[in-house]
Amino acid sequence: MSAAHARMNLSVARWSVVTAGSLALLKLAAVVITGSLSIAAALADSVMDVVASLVNYFAVRLAGKPANQEHRYGHGKAEGLAGLVQGLVIGFLGLFLLVEGAHRIASGHGELEHTEVGIAVMTVSLFANAWIGWLLLRTAKRTGSVALRADAAHYTSDIWMNLGVLASLVAVRVTDAHWIDGAVSCAVALIVVRTAVVVLRRSAAELMDTSVSEEQLASIRAAIAEDVPETRDVHRLRTRKSGPDIFVDMHVAFDRELTFPEAHRLSERVRVAVERAIPAAQVHVHADPHPFRPEDAP
């Protein structure tokens, strides 16, 4: 990861923590004033956002550190761990919303007061979540940060939550049907759980060293074919992600009549071609003779 990308990730992660903390305080005040379960659920979400964003902040900070003696491939896996924690947080939130919403509907208790305060707070929360989610996603696309992308995913789920809570408060104010507050909590829970599954799958894939997409593999082969036509074959192509970094390991075959310096220069051209096609790649190229003979094997 470049120093500029590391600084960018860290700065946006700080904004995420500040936004989550501020919204939690606003929603706490709204819960005290209105007694709304849907706002209380949104408050729980914001409290968990604070925890998740703090975890994310320290993960991004760690992932931005250069490789050292203990972590020679860098610290990018910290982002995968952060995404895993955030997925679990979002999943528990969804279960909480589902249980509490069902209880509110079944009991029929809990009349709301001063719904105009809740409407104002949820409107502010809606726009704040949309802004920070956009900022996180834009930065994640630029830097390749898994942790920021996971953070953006749960802020995106918060947008739906805030819309649902806002709509329920407006409906309660207009119709005086207080059961709507619990029903909306159940509906939002399904969206939240789905988001949790997406985040968990993505983070687990990185921690398990899942290969990059078929499109990226095809772009690697296309770049080599175009920039180094002397290449006779590409095999044992392996890739894995670690935070924003992509590690690429491959064997490339060249005419066996080439001298060692010539094969080395071609290998370096292959490395440069792949890094140009995938800027976040760290590439290792092993040169093989072509055709490969039995005596070439160890």
C-alpha atoms as a PDB file:
ATOM      1  CA  MET A   1       0.000   0.000   0.000  1.00  0.00           C
ATOM      2  CA  SER A   2       1.368   3.443  -0.889  1.00  0.00           C
ATOM      3  CA  ALA A   3       1.878   5.986   1.862  1.00  0.00           C
ATOM      4  CA  ALA A   4      -0.689   8.291   0.223  1.00  0.00           C
ATOM      5  CA  HIS A   5      -3.343   5.560   0.200  1.00  0.00           C
ATOM      6  CA  ALA A   6      -2.577   4.657   3.808  1.00  0.00           C
ATOM      7  CA  ARG A   7      -3.040   8.289   4.881  1.00  0.00           C
ATOM      8  CA  MET A   8      -6.276   8.533   2.884  1.00  0.00           C
ATOM      9  CA  ASN A   9      -7.679   5.372   4.492  1.00  0.00           C
ATOM     10  CA  LEU A  10      -6.763   6.576   7.968  1.00  0.00           C
ATOM     11  CA  SER A  11      -8.318  10.010   7.463  1.00  0.00           C
ATOM     12  CA  VAL A  12     -11.622   8.593   6.212  1.00  0.00           C
ATOM     13  CA  ALA A  13     -11.655   6.012   9.026  1.00  0.00           C
ATOM     14  CA  ARG A  14     -11.418   8.903  11.532  1.00  0.00           C
ATOM     15  CA  TRP A  15     -14.415  10.584   9.912  1.00  0.00           C
ATOM     16  CA  SER A  16     -16.331   7.320  10.214  1.00  0.00           C
ATOM     17  CA  VAL A  17     -15.689   7.186  13.974  1.00  0.00           C
ATOM     18  CA  VAL A  18     -16.688  10.841  14.457  1.00  0.00           C
ATOM     19  CA  THR A  19     -19.889  10.421  12.404  1.00  0.00           C
ATOM     20  CA  ALA A  20     -20.967   7.254  14.232  1.00  0.00           C
ATOM     21  CA  GLY A  21     -20.326   8.837  17.642  1.00  0.00           C
ATOM     22  CA  SER A  22     -22.230  12.010  16.828  1.00  0.00           C
ATOM     23  CA  LEU A  23     -25.250  10.117  15.483  1.00  0.00           C
ATOM     24  CA  ALA A  24     -25.304   7.889  18.563  1.00  0.00           C
ATOM     25  CA  LEU A  25     -25.586  10.929  20.836  1.00  0.00           C
ATOM     26  CA  LEU A  26     -28.368  12.436  18.697  1.00  0.00           C
ATOM     27  CA  LYS A  27     -30.372   9.204  18.695  1.00  0.00           C
ATOM     28  CA  LEU A  28     -29.918   8.766  22.435  1.00  0.00           C
ATOM     29  CA  ALA A  29     -31.531  12.146  22.974  1.00  0.00           C
ATOM     30  CA  ALA A  30     -34.347  11.246  20.562  1.00  0.00           C
ATOM     31  CA  VAL A  31     -35.039   7.930  22.361  1.00  0.00           C
ATOM     32  CA  VAL A  32     -35.314   9.705  25.718  1.00  0.00           C
ATOM     33  CA  ILE A  33     -37.726  12.276  24.282  1.00  0.00           C
ATOM     34  CA  THR A  34     -39.915  10.045  22.072  1.00  0.00           C
ATOM     35  CA  GLY A  35     -39.740   6.532  23.551  1.00  0.00           C
ATOM     36  CA  SER A  36     -39.528   5.091  20.030  1.00  0.00           C
ATOM     37  CA  LEU A  37     -38.368   1.472  19.653  1.00  0.00           C
ATOM     38  CA  SER A  38     -37.316   2.023  16.057  1.00  0.00           C
ATOM     39  CA  ILE A  39     -35.089   4.931  17.105  1.00  0.00           C
ATOM     40  CA  ALA A  40     -33.770   2.795  19.979  1.00  0.00           C
ATOM     41  CA  ALA A  41     -32.851   0.132  17.440  1.00  0.00           C
ATOM     42  CA  ALA A  42     -31.210   2.791  15.310  1.00  0.00           C
ATOM     43  CA  LEU A  43     -29.355   3.945  18.434  1.00  0.00           C
ATOM     44  CA  ALA A  44     -28.100   0.405  19.017  1.00  0.00           C
ATOM     45  CA  ASP A  45     -26.937   0.409  15.417  1.00  0.00           C
ATOM     46  CA  SER A  46     -25.046   3.669  15.924  1.00  0.00           C
ATOM     47  CA  VAL A  47     -23.415   2.386  19.116  1.00  0.00           C
ATOM     48  CA  MET A  48     -22.311  -0.691  17.204  1.00  0.00           C
ATOM     49  CA  ASP A  49     -21.165   1.581  14.383  1.00  0.00           C
ATOM     50  CA  VAL A  50     -18.893   3.328  16.869  1.00  0.00           C
ATOM     51  CA  VAL A  51     -17.416  -0.010  17.934  1.00  0.00           C
ATOM     52  CA  ALA A  52     -17.086  -1.246  14.353  1.00  0.00           C
ATOM     53  CA  SER A  53     -15.588   2.035  13.146  1.00  0.00           C
ATOM     54  CA  LEU A  54     -13.055   1.997  15.980  1.00  0.00           C
ATOM     55  CA  VAL A  55     -12.092  -1.563  15.069  1.00  0.00           C
ATOM     56  CA  ASN A  56     -11.928  -0.479  11.439  1.00  0.00           C
ATOM     57  CA  TYR A  57      -9.786   2.567  12.283  1.00  0.00           C
ATOM     58  CA  PHE A  58      -7.164   0.512  14.097  1.00  0.00           C
ATOM     59  CA  ALA A  59      -7.253  -2.167  11.383  1.00  0.00           C
ATOM     60  CA  VAL A  60      -6.655   0.426   8.639  1.00  0.00           C
ATOM     61  CA  ARG A  61      -3.891   1.950  10.739  1.00  0.00           C
ATOM     62  CA  LEU A  62      -2.256  -1.460  11.138  1.00  0.00           C
ATOM     63  CA  ALA A  63      -2.788  -2.442   7.491  1.00  0.00           C
ATOM     64  CA  GLY A  64      -1.005   0.738   6.392  1.00  0.00           C
ATOM     65  CA  LYS A  65       2.210  -0.251   8.151  1.00  0.00           C
ATOM     66  CA  PRO A  66       5.004  -1.586   5.925  1.00  0.00           C
ATOM     67  CA  ALA A  67       6.131  -5.189   6.056  1.00  0.00           C
ATOM     68  CA  ASN A  68       8.489  -6.110   8.891  1.00  0.00           C
ATOM     69  CA  GLN A  69      10.407  -9.113  10.187  1.00  0.00           C
ATOM     70  CA  GLU A  70       7.286 -10.728  11.670  1.00  0.00           C
ATOM     71  CA  HIS A  71       4.895  -9.863   8.812  1.00  0.00           C
ATOM     72  CA  ARG A  72       6.897 -10.026   5.608  1.00  0.00           C
ATOM     73  CA  TYR A  73       3.773  -9.793   3.456  1.00  0.00           C
ATOM     74  CA  GLY A  74       2.578  -6.681   5.281  1.00  0.00           C
ATOM     75  CA  HIS A  75      -0.407  -6.247   7.583  1.00  0.00           C
ATOM     76  CA  GLY A  76      -3.231  -6.212   5.035  1.00  0.00           C
ATOM     77  CA  LYS A  77      -5.025  -9.193   6.608  1.00  0.00           C
ATOM     78  CA  ALA A  78      -5.980  -6.863   9.477  1.00  0.00           C
ATOM     79  CA  GLU A  79      -8.590  -5.399   7.128  1.00  0.00           C
ATOM     80  CA  GLY A  80     -10.120  -8.825   6.534  1.00  0.00           C
ATOM     81  CA  LEU A  81     -10.357  -9.361  10.282  1.00  0.00           C
ATOM     82  CA  ALA A  82     -11.992  -5.947  10.675  1.00  0.00           C
ATOM     83  CA  GLY A  83     -14.545  -6.816   8.003  1.00  0.00           C
ATOM     84  CA  LEU A  84     -15.287 -10.078   9.818  1.00  0.00           C
ATOM     85  CA  VAL A  85     -15.907  -8.239  13.099  1.00  0.00           C
ATOM     86  CA  GLN A  86     -18.161  -5.717  11.370  1.00  0.00           C
ATOM     87  CA  GLY A  87     -20.155  -8.492   9.701  1.00  0.00           C
ATOM     88  CA  LEU A  88     -20.782 -10.119  13.076  1.00  0.00           C
ATOM     89  CA  VAL A  89     -21.780  -6.751  14.560  1.00  0.00           C
ATOM     90  CA  ILE A  90     -24.270  -6.124  11.762  1.00  0.00           C
ATOM     91  CA  GLY A  91     -25.668  -9.655  12.086  1.00  0.00           C
ATOM     92  CA  PHE A  92     -26.297  -9.351  15.842  1.00  0.00           C
ATOM     93  CA  LEU A  93     -27.924  -5.979  15.206  1.00  0.00           C
ATOM     94  CA  GLY A  94     -30.328  -7.574  12.720  1.00  0.00           C
ATOM     95  CA  LEU A  95     -31.337 -10.251  15.214  1.00  0.00           C
ATOM     96  CA  PHE A  96     -31.864  -7.609  17.894  1.00  0.00           C
ATOM     97  CA  LEU A  97     -34.153  -5.585  15.628  1.00  0.00           C
ATOM     98  CA  LEU A  98     -36.147  -8.664  14.651  1.00  0.00           C
ATOM     99  CA  VAL A  99     -36.764  -9.818  18.227  1.00  0.00           C
ATOM    100  CA  GLU A 100     -37.582  -6.390  19.626  1.00  0.00           C
ATOM    101  CA  GLY A 101     -39.830  -5.476  16.692  1.00  0.00           C
ATOM    102  CA  ALA A 102     -41.802  -8.713  17.052  1.00  0.00           C
ATOM    103  CA  HIS A 103     -42.181  -8.086  20.774  1.00  0.00           C
ATOM    104  CA  ARG A 104     -43.529  -4.577  20.159  1.00  0.00           C
ATOM    105  CA  ILE A 105     -46.113  -5.881  17.675  1.00  0.00           C
ATOM    106  CA  ALA A 106     -47.200  -8.730  19.963  1.00  0.00           C
ATOM    107  CA  SER A 107     -47.453  -6.643  23.117  1.00  0.00           C
ATOM    108  CA  GLY A 108     -49.132  -3.628  21.527  1.00  0.00           C
ATOM    109  CA  HIS A 109     -47.413  -1.386  24.078  1.00  0.00           C
ATOM    110  CA  GLY A 110     -45.253   1.670  23.643  1.00  0.00           C
ATOM    111  CA  GLU A 111     -46.930   4.896  22.574  1.00  0.00           C
ATOM    112  CA  LEU A 112     -44.643   7.520  21.076  1.00  0.00           C
ATOM    113  CA  GLU A 113     -44.304  11.142  22.119  1.00  0.00           C
ATOM    114  CA  HIS A 114     -42.882  14.179  20.349  1.00  0.00           C
ATOM    115  CA  THR A 115     -42.510  12.323  17.067  1.00  0.00           C
ATOM    116  CA  GLU A 116     -41.438  15.552  15.369  1.00  0.00           C
ATOM    117  CA  VAL A 117     -38.154  15.359  17.306  1.00  0.00           C
ATOM    118  CA  GLY A 118     -37.574  11.808  16.116  1.00  0.00           C
ATOM    119  CA  ILE A 119     -38.374  12.794  12.540  1.00  0.00           C
ATOM    120  CA  ALA A 120     -35.824  15.629  12.662  1.00  0.00           C
ATOM    121  CA  VAL A 121     -33.105  13.416  14.167  1.00  0.00           C
ATOM    122  CA  MET A 122     -33.663  10.591  11.688  1.00  0.00           C
ATOM    123  CA  THR A 123     -33.576  13.043   8.767  1.00  0.00           C
ATOM    124  CA  VAL A 124     -30.179  14.312   9.924  1.00  0.00           C
ATOM    125  CA  SER A 125     -29.025  10.726  10.437  1.00  0.00           C
ATOM    126  CA  LEU A 126     -30.184   9.757   6.954  1.00  0.00           C
ATOM    127  CA  PHE A 127     -28.125  12.435   5.229  1.00  0.00           C
ATOM    128  CA  ALA A 128     -25.101  11.872   7.503  1.00  0.00           C
ATOM    129  CA  ASN A 129     -25.078   8.139   6.739  1.00  0.00           C
ATOM    130  CA  ALA A 130     -25.454   8.751   3.015  1.00  0.00           C
ATOM    131  CA  TRP A 131     -22.504  11.158   3.071  1.00  0.00           C
ATOM    132  CA  ILE A 132     -20.121   8.987   5.105  1.00  0.00           C
ATOM    133  CA  GLY A 133     -21.116   5.856   3.165  1.00  0.00           C
ATOM    134  CA  TRP A 134     -20.345   7.623  -0.122  1.00  0.00           C
ATOM    135  CA  LEU A 135     -17.016   8.888   1.233  1.00  0.00           C
ATOM    136  CA  LEU A 136     -16.007   5.432   2.507  1.00  0.00           C
ATOM    137  CA  LEU A 137     -16.954   3.666  -0.726  1.00  0.00           C
ATOM    138  CA  ARG A 138     -15.198   6.256  -2.919  1.00  0.00           C
ATOM    139  CA  THR A 139     -12.025   5.926  -0.861  1.00  0.00           C
ATOM    140  CA  ALA A 140     -12.225   2.115  -0.827  1.00  0.00           C
ATOM    141  CA  LYS A 141     -12.425   2.064  -4.635  1.00  0.00           C
ATOM    142  CA  ARG A 142      -9.375   4.313  -4.872  1.00  0.00           C
ATOM    143  CA  THR A 143      -7.230   2.459  -2.348  1.00  0.00           C
ATOM    144  CA  GLY A 144      -8.632  -1.079  -2.502  1.00  0.00           C
ATOM    145  CA  SER A 145      -9.348  -1.115   1.237  1.00  0.00           C
ATOM    146  CA  VAL A 146     -11.488  -4.088   2.299  1.00  0.00           C
ATOM    147  CA  ALA A 147     -12.135  -2.595   5.734  1.00  0.00           C
ATOM    148  CA  LEU A 148     -13.433   0.706   4.338  1.00  0.00           C
ATOM    149  CA  ARG A 149     -15.612  -1.161   1.847  1.00  0.00           C
ATOM    150  CA  ALA A 150     -17.080  -3.187   4.725  1.00  0.00           C
ATOM    151  CA  ASP A 151     -17.601   0.033   6.681  1.00  0.00           C
ATOM    152  CA  ALA A 152     -19.379   1.543   3.662  1.00  0.00           C
ATOM    153  CA  ALA A 153     -21.605  -1.552   3.425  1.00  0.00           C
ATOM    154  CA  HIS A 154     -22.972  -1.188   6.928  1.00  0.00           C
ATOM    155  CA  TYR A 155     -23.467   2.553   6.491  1.00  0.00           C
ATOM    156  CA  THR A 156     -25.418   1.726   3.326  1.00  0.00           C
ATOM    157  CA  SER A 157     -27.603  -0.615   5.360  1.00  0.00           C
ATOM    158  CA  ASP A 158     -28.036   2.271   7.811  1.00  0.00           C
ATOM    159  CA  ILE A 159     -29.525   4.383   5.015  1.00  0.00           C
ATOM    160  CA  TRP A 160     -32.314   1.836   4.573  1.00  0.00           C
ATOM    161  CA  MET A 161     -32.751   1.644   8.312  1.00  0.00           C
ATOM    162  CA  ASN A 162     -33.021   5.402   8.653  1.00  0.00           C
ATOM    163  CA  LEU A 163     -35.497   5.595   5.799  1.00  0.00           C
ATOM    164  CA  GLY A 164     -37.626   2.911   7.411  1.00  0.00           C
ATOM    165  CA  VAL A 165     -37.512   4.521  10.846  1.00  0.00           C
ATOM    166  CA  LEU A 166     -38.247   7.946   9.384  1.00  0.00           C
ATOM    167  CA  ALA A 167     -41.213   6.581   7.435  1.00  0.00           C
ATOM    168  CA  SER A 168     -42.548   4.783  10.507  1.00  0.00           C
ATOM    169  CA  LEU A 169     -42.361   7.944  12.616  1.00  0.00           C
ATOM    170  CA  VAL A 170     -44.209   9.923   9.955  1.00  0.00           C
ATOM    171  CA  ALA A 171     -46.826   7.151   9.685  1.00  0.00           C
ATOM    172  CA  VAL A 172     -47.296   6.997  13.453  1.00  0.00           C
ATOM    173  CA  ARG A 173     -47.694  10.766  13.614  1.00  0.00           C
ATOM    174  CA  VAL A 174     -50.280  10.766  10.813  1.00  0.00           C
ATOM    175  CA  THR A 175     -52.273   7.621  11.726  1.00  0.00           C
ATOM    176  CA  ASP A 176     -51.552   7.192  15.456  1.00  0.00           C
ATOM    177  CA  ALA A 177     -50.923   3.469  14.738  1.00  0.00           C
ATOM    178  CA  HIS A 178     -48.052   2.796  17.128  1.00  0.00           C
ATOM    179  CA  TRP A 179     -47.600  -0.845  16.069  1.00  0.00           C
ATOM    180  CA  ILE A 180     -45.929   0.476  12.892  1.00  0.00           C
ATOM    181  CA  ASP A 181     -42.868   1.293  14.986  1.00  0.00           C
ATOM    182  CA  GLY A 182     -42.259  -2.426  15.706  1.00  0.00           C
ATOM    183  CA  ALA A 183     -43.191  -3.614  12.226  1.00  0.00           C
ATOM    184  CA  VAL A 184     -40.616  -1.354  10.610  1.00  0.00           C
ATOM    185  CA  SER A 185     -37.977  -2.694  13.000  1.00  0.00           C
ATOM    186  CA  CYS A 186     -38.659  -6.225  11.706  1.00  0.00           C
ATOM    187  CA  ALA A 187     -38.471  -5.140   8.064  1.00  0.00           C
ATOM    188  CA  VAL A 188     -35.202  -3.311   8.608  1.00  0.00           C
ATOM    189  CA  ALA A 189     -33.772  -6.377  10.363  1.00  0.00           C
ATOM    190  CA  LEU A 190     -34.000  -8.432   7.170  1.00  0.00           C
ATOM    191  CA  ILE A 191     -31.992  -5.824   5.250  1.00  0.00           C
ATOM    192  CA  VAL A 192     -29.399  -5.656   8.001  1.00  0.00           C
ATOM    193  CA  VAL A 193     -28.953  -9.451   8.156  1.00  0.00           C
ATOM    194  CA  ARG A 194     -28.506  -9.617   4.393  1.00  0.00           C
ATOM    195  CA  THR A 195     -25.786  -6.949   4.574  1.00  0.00           C
ATOM    196  CA  ALA A 196     -24.067  -8.913   7.340  1.00  0.00           C
ATOM    197  CA  VAL A 197     -23.946 -12.036   5.168  1.00  0.00           C
ATOM    198  CA  VAL A 198     -22.372 -10.089   2.275  1.00  0.00           C
ATOM    199  CA  VAL A 199     -19.701  -8.534   4.511  1.00  0.00           C
ATOM    200  CA  LEU A 200     -18.906 -11.860   6.210  1.00  0.00           C
ATOM    201  CA  ARG A 201     -18.553 -13.696   2.905  1.00  0.00           C
ATOM    202  CA  ARG A 202     -16.254 -11.043   1.445  1.00  0.00           C
ATOM    203  CA  SER A 203     -14.041 -10.886   4.535  1.00  0.00           C
ATOM    204  CA  ALA A 204     -13.858 -14.662   4.910  1.00  0.00           C
ATOM    205  CA  ALA A 205     -12.860 -14.983   1.243  1.00  0.00           C
ATOM    206  CA  GLU A 206      -9.879 -12.697   1.807  1.00  0.00           C
ATOM    207  CA  LEU A 207      -8.795 -14.434   5.004  1.00  0.00           C
ATOM    208  CA  MET A 208      -8.954 -17.775   3.161  1.00  0.00           C
ATOM    209  CA  ASP A 209      -6.690 -16.435   0.361  1.00  0.00           C
ATOM    210  CA  THR A 210      -9.385 -16.704  -2.305  1.00  0.00           C
ATOM    211  CA  SER A 211      -8.111 -15.931  -5.792  1.00  0.00           C
ATOM    212  CA  VAL A 212      -8.948 -12.679  -7.555  1.00  0.00           C
ATOM    213  CA  SER A 213     -11.833 -12.655 -10.038  1.00  0.00           C
ATOM    214  CA  GLU A 214     -11.729 -14.394 -13.403  1.00  0.00           C
ATOM    215  CA  GLU A 215     -11.798 -10.953 -15.040  1.00  0.00           C
ATOM    216  CA  GLN A 216      -8.617  -9.922 -13.228  1.00  0.00           C
ATOM    217  CA  LEU A 217      -6.922 -13.213 -14.098  1.00  0.00           C
ATOM    218  CA  ALA A 218      -7.848 -12.649 -17.739  1.00  0.00           C
ATOM    219  CA  SER A 219      -6.452  -9.106 -17.617  1.00  0.00           C
ATOM    220  CA  ILE A 220      -3.155 -10.477 -16.241  1.00  0.00           C
ATOM    221  CA  ARG A 221      -2.822 -12.933 -19.109  1.00  0.00           C
ATOM    222  CA  ALA A 222      -3.874 -10.312 -21.671  1.00  0.00           C
ATOM    223  CA  ALA A 223      -1.304  -7.807 -20.384  1.00  0.00           C
ATOM    224  CA  ILE A 224       1.470 -10.388 -20.624  1.00  0.00           C
ATOM    225  CA  ALA A 225       0.445 -11.439 -24.140  1.00  0.00           C
ATOM    226  CA  GLU A 226       0.345  -7.825 -25.320  1.00  0.00           C
ATOM    227  CA  ASP A 227       3.454  -6.419 -23.630  1.00  0.00           C
ATOM    228  CA  VAL A 228       5.730  -9.479 -23.712  1.00  0.00           C
ATOM    229  CA  PRO A 229       4.947 -11.461 -26.898  1.00  0.00           C
ATOM    230  CA  GLU A 230       8.124 -13.506 -26.320  1.00  0.00           C
ATOM    231  CA  THR A 231       6.217 -15.374 -23.606  1.00  0.00           C
ATOM    232  CA  ARG A 232       5.484 -18.960 -24.656  1.00  0.00           C
ATOM    233  CA  ASP A 233       3.319 -20.002 -21.747  1.00  0.00           C
ATOM    234  CA  VAL A 234       1.967 -18.813 -18.393  1.00  0.00           C
ATOM    235  CA  HIS A 235       1.253 -21.492 -15.799  1.00  0.00           C
ATOM    236  CA  ARG A 236       0.982 -22.004 -12.043  1.00  0.00           C
ATOM    237  CA  LEU A 237      -0.645 -18.582 -11.846  1.00  0.00           C
ATOM    238  CA  ARG A 238      -1.675 -17.965  -8.236  1.00  0.00           C
ATOM    239  CA  THR A 239      -3.199 -14.858  -6.681  1.00  0.00           C
ATOM    240  CA  ARG A 240      -4.463 -13.753  -3.278  1.00  0.00           C
ATOM    241  CA  LYS A 241      -5.557 -10.513  -1.629  1.00  0.00           C
ATOM    242  CA  SER A 242      -4.251  -9.004   1.576  1.00  0.00           C
ATOM    243  CA  GLY A 243      -6.094  -5.762   2.288  1.00  0.00           C
ATOM    244  CA  PRO A 244      -5.435  -3.419  -0.645  1.00  0.00           C
ATOM    245  CA  ASP A 245      -2.554  -5.540  -1.953  1.00  0.00           C
ATOM    246  CA  ILE A 246      -2.805  -8.358  -4.489  1.00  0.00           C
ATOM    247  CA  PHE A 247      -0.012 -10.934  -4.542  1.00  0.00           C
ATOM    248  CA  VAL A 248       0.614 -12.621  -7.906  1.00  0.00           C
ATOM    249  CA  ASP A 249       2.886 -15.632  -8.318  1.00  0.00           C
ATOM    250  CA  MET A 250       3.446 -17.273 -11.712  1.00  0.00           C
ATOM    251  CA  HIS A 251       5.742 -19.368 -13.885  1.00  0.00           C
ATOM    252  CA  VAL A 252       6.430 -17.973 -17.362  1.00  0.00           C
ATOM    253  CA  ALA A 253       8.077 -19.962 -20.155  1.00  0.00           C
ATOM    254  CA  PHE A 254      10.590 -18.459 -22.629  1.00  0.00           C
ATOM    255  CA  ASP A 255      12.611 -19.998 -25.445  1.00  0.00           C
ATOM    256  CA  ARG A 256      15.303 -22.153 -23.883  1.00  0.00           C
ATOM    257  CA  GLU A 257      17.936 -20.759 -26.249  1.00  0.00           C
ATOM    258  CA  LEU A 258      17.809 -17.407 -24.418  1.00  0.00           C
ATOM    259  CA  THR A 259      20.658 -16.506 -22.099  1.00  0.00           C
ATOM    260  CA  PHE A 260      19.990 -16.085 -18.381  1.00  0.00           C
ATOM    261  CA  PRO A 261      20.231 -12.248 -18.557  1.00  0.00           C
ATOM    262  CA  GLU A 262      17.775 -12.204 -21.484  1.00  0.00           C
ATOM    263  CA  ALA A 263      15.286 -14.421 -19.621  1.00  0.00           C
ATOM    264  CA  HIS A 264      15.661 -12.192 -16.565  1.00  0.00           C
ATOM    265  CA  ARG A 265      14.910  -9.049 -18.594  1.00  0.00           C
ATOM    266  CA  LEU A 266      11.798 -10.670 -20.061  1.00  0.00           C
ATOM    267  CA  SER A 267      10.678 -11.756 -16.577  1.00  0.00           C
ATOM    268  CA  GLU A 268      10.985  -8.159 -15.415  1.00  0.00           C
ATOM    269  CA  ARG A 269       8.936  -6.994 -18.384  1.00  0.00           C
ATOM    270  CA  VAL A 270       6.237  -9.497 -17.382  1.00  0.00           C
ATOM    271  CA  ARG A 271       6.277  -8.152 -13.823  1.00  0.00           C
ATOM    272  CA  VAL A 272       5.932  -4.551 -15.019  1.00  0.00           C
ATOM    273  CA  ALA A 273       3.112  -5.496 -17.424  1.00  0.00           C
ATOM    274  CA  VAL A 274       1.090  -7.160 -14.652  1.00  0.00           C
ATOM    275  CA  GLU A 275       1.672  -4.300 -12.207  1.00  0.00           C
ATOM    276  CA  ARG A 276       0.514  -1.866 -14.892  1.00  0.00           C
ATOM    277  CA  ALA A 277      -2.668  -3.908 -15.461  1.00  0.00           C
ATOM    278  CA  ILE A 278      -3.314  -4.253 -11.698  1.00  0.00           C
ATOM    279  CA  PRO A 279      -1.678  -1.316  -9.872  1.00  0.00           C
ATOM    280  CA  ALA A 280      -2.094  -2.911  -6.424  1.00  0.00           C
ATOM    281  CA  ALA A 281      -0.250  -6.085  -7.493  1.00  0.00           C
ATOM    282  CA  GLN A 282       3.015  -7.338  -6.059  1.00  0.00           C
ATOM    283  CA  VAL A 283       4.310  -9.800  -8.633  1.00  0.00           C
ATOM    284  CA  HIS A 284       6.769 -12.681  -8.456  1.00  0.00           C
ATOM    285  CA  VAL A 285       7.808 -14.272 -11.775  1.00  0.00           C
ATOM    286  CA  HIS A 286       9.670 -17.562 -12.173  1.00  0.00           C
ATOM    287  CA  ALA A 287      11.158 -18.206 -15.642  1.00  0.00           C
ATOM    288  CA  ASP A 288      10.958 -21.701 -17.170  1.00  0.00           C
ATOM    289  CA  PRO A 289      12.607 -22.933 -20.384  1.00  0.00           C
ATOM    290  CA  HIS A 290      10.387 -23.732 -23.357  1.00  0.00           C
ATOM    291  CA  PRO A 291       9.988 -26.496 -24.294  1.00  0.00           C
ATOM    292  CA  PHE A 292      10.351 -27.976 -20.838  1.00  0.00           C
ATOM    293  CA  ARG A 293      12.395 -31.181 -20.822  1.00  0.00           C
ATOM    294  CA  PRO A 294      12.536 -33.978 -18.247  1.00  0.00           C
ATOM    295  CA  GLU A 295      16.071 -33.036 -17.263  1.00  0.00           C
ATOM    296  CA  ASP A 296      14.851 -29.519 -16.354  1.00  0.00           C
ATOM    297  CA  ALA A 297      12.837 -30.922 -13.439  1.00  0.00           C
ATOM    298  CA  PRO A 298      14.550 -30.942 -10.010  1.00  0.00           C
END
